[in-house]
Amino acid sequence: MLSLLKLPQDIKESVRTSDTVPKSLLLLLLRHSNKINIRDFYRQIKEGKLTVQEAKTELKRSKTKKGRPKYYEYKFESPGRDFILKIKFRKPEVEQSEITNAIHQVLNSLNK
């Protein structure tokens, strides 16, 4: 319950004066990092427009993925499906010219 102390001050005041919002839902709101959305979700819950389950799914949907960015992968499949060529770059986005340069480097190394 100590984590409820991390709620924004206006929400704490509202919680003290009424018991309309379940504590489990308040804890769920705390996991949400955006203070503006916390207030918006709290208002919707207090007005009865949002259930616990709806809040859970909405908060899960709005979370951003953490961790390293995904690598960009260029994939070419031959028309006859005889082979697949994949080139993986160490960054999330690449331009067409970078793909072309990578293919030229591969061809040059094969011709040596």
Protein backbone atom coordinates (compact mmCIF):
# COMPACT_ATOMS: atom_id res chain seq x y z
CA MET A 1 0.00 0.00 0.00
CA LEU A 2 2.99 2.30 0.34
CA SER A 3 3.19 2.49 -3.42
CA LEU A 4 -0.15 4.32 -3.43
CA LEU A 5 1.75 7.28 -1.99
CA LYS A 6 3.30 7.71 -5.44
CA LEU A 7 -0.06 8.70 -6.93
CA PRO A 8 -0.46 12.33 -8.01
CA GLN A 9 -1.64 14.56 -5.16
CA ASP A 10 -5.07 15.33 -6.64
CA ILE A 11 -5.84 11.63 -7.05
CA LYS A 12 -4.70 10.87 -3.48
CA GLU A 13 -7.08 13.56 -2.17
CA SER A 14 -9.94 12.10 -4.20
CA VAL A 15 -9.21 8.56 -2.97
CA ARG A 16 -9.21 9.71 0.67
CA THR A 17 -12.69 11.21 0.33
CA SER A 18 -14.35 8.35 -1.55
CA ASP A 19 -14.11 4.56 -1.79
CA THR A 20 -15.46 4.25 -5.33
CA VAL A 21 -12.19 3.10 -6.92
CA PRO A 22 -10.74 -0.33 -6.00
CA LYS A 23 -7.19 -0.28 -4.62
CA SER A 24 -6.14 -2.93 -7.16
CA LEU A 25 -7.06 -0.52 -9.92
CA LEU A 26 -5.08 2.28 -8.29
CA LEU A 27 -2.04 0.03 -8.16
CA LEU A 28 -2.56 -0.81 -11.82
CA LEU A 29 -2.66 2.90 -12.65
CA LEU A 30 0.64 3.40 -10.85
CA ARG A 31 2.34 1.06 -13.27
CA HIS A 32 1.40 3.46 -16.03
CA SER A 33 4.19 6.01 -16.45
CA ASN A 34 2.31 8.90 -18.08
CA LYS A 35 0.84 11.16 -15.36
CA ILE A 36 -1.64 12.78 -17.76
CA ASN A 37 -3.09 9.42 -18.74
CA ILE A 38 -3.24 8.34 -15.09
CA ARG A 39 -5.51 11.29 -14.35
CA ASP A 40 -7.62 10.59 -17.43
CA PHE A 41 -7.98 6.88 -16.57
CA TYR A 42 -8.80 7.73 -12.96
CA ARG A 43 -11.54 10.14 -14.05
CA GLN A 44 -13.06 7.51 -16.39
CA ILE A 45 -12.95 4.84 -13.69
CA LYS A 46 -14.48 7.12 -11.08
CA GLU A 47 -17.30 8.05 -13.47
CA GLY A 48 -17.94 4.35 -14.11
CA LYS A 49 -17.00 4.52 -17.78
CA LEU A 50 -14.08 2.10 -17.44
CA THR A 51 -14.02 -1.29 -15.71
CA VAL A 52 -10.97 -2.93 -14.15
CA GLN A 53 -10.62 -5.32 -17.09
CA GLU A 54 -10.98 -2.53 -19.65
CA ALA A 55 -8.36 -0.47 -17.81
CA LYS A 56 -5.96 -3.43 -17.80
CA THR A 57 -6.29 -3.99 -21.54
CA GLU A 58 -6.03 -0.26 -22.28
CA LEU A 59 -2.90 0.15 -20.15
CA LYS A 60 -1.32 -2.93 -21.70
CA ARG A 61 -2.06 -1.59 -25.19
CA SER A 62 -0.60 1.84 -24.43
CA LYS A 63 2.67 0.53 -23.02
CA THR A 64 5.65 1.04 -25.22
CA LYS A 65 7.94 -1.86 -25.83
CA LYS A 66 11.21 -1.66 -23.99
CA GLY A 67 14.49 -3.21 -24.87
CA ARG A 68 16.77 -2.87 -27.80
CA PRO A 69 15.37 -1.77 -31.15
CA LYS A 70 14.78 -4.50 -33.69
CA TYR A 71 17.23 -4.87 -36.54
CA TYR A 72 16.08 -4.15 -40.08
CA GLU A 73 15.95 -7.24 -42.26
CA TYR A 74 15.82 -7.19 -46.05
CA LYS A 75 14.40 -10.39 -47.49
CA PHE A 76 14.41 -11.43 -51.14
CA GLU A 77 12.80 -14.64 -52.36
CA SER A 78 13.64 -15.79 -55.88
CA PRO A 79 10.69 -16.03 -58.30
CA GLY A 80 11.15 -19.79 -58.56
CA ARG A 81 11.56 -20.04 -54.78
CA ASP A 82 14.94 -21.66 -55.30
CA PHE A 83 16.59 -19.47 -52.67
CA ILE A 84 15.97 -16.76 -50.11
CA LEU A 85 18.43 -13.95 -49.50
CA LYS A 86 18.31 -12.19 -46.13
CA ILE A 87 20.42 -9.23 -45.10
CA LYS A 88 20.17 -8.07 -41.51
CA PHE A 89 21.31 -4.55 -40.62
CA ARG A 90 22.33 -3.49 -37.13
CA LYS A 91 19.87 -0.62 -37.03
CA PRO A 92 16.08 -0.38 -37.13
CA GLU A 93 15.76 1.59 -40.40
CA VAL A 94 17.81 1.67 -43.61
CA GLU A 95 17.53 3.38 -46.96
CA GLN A 96 17.36 1.67 -50.34
CA SER A 97 20.91 2.78 -51.13
CA GLU A 98 22.23 1.03 -48.01
CA ILE A 99 20.63 -2.24 -49.14
CA THR A 100 22.17 -1.81 -52.59
CA ASN A 101 25.61 -1.09 -51.10
CA ALA A 102 25.39 -4.19 -48.90
CA ILE A 103 24.53 -6.38 -51.91
CA HIS A 104 27.46 -4.88 -53.87
CA GLN A 105 29.81 -5.66 -50.97
CA VAL A 106 28.62 -9.27 -50.94
CA LEU A 107 29.11 -9.58 -54.71
CA ASN A 108 32.60 -8.06 -54.50
CA SER A 109 33.63 -10.47 -51.76
CA LEU A 110 32.33 -13.44 -53.78
CA ASN A 111 34.27 -12.36 -56.91
CA LYS A 112 37.63 -12.22 -55.11
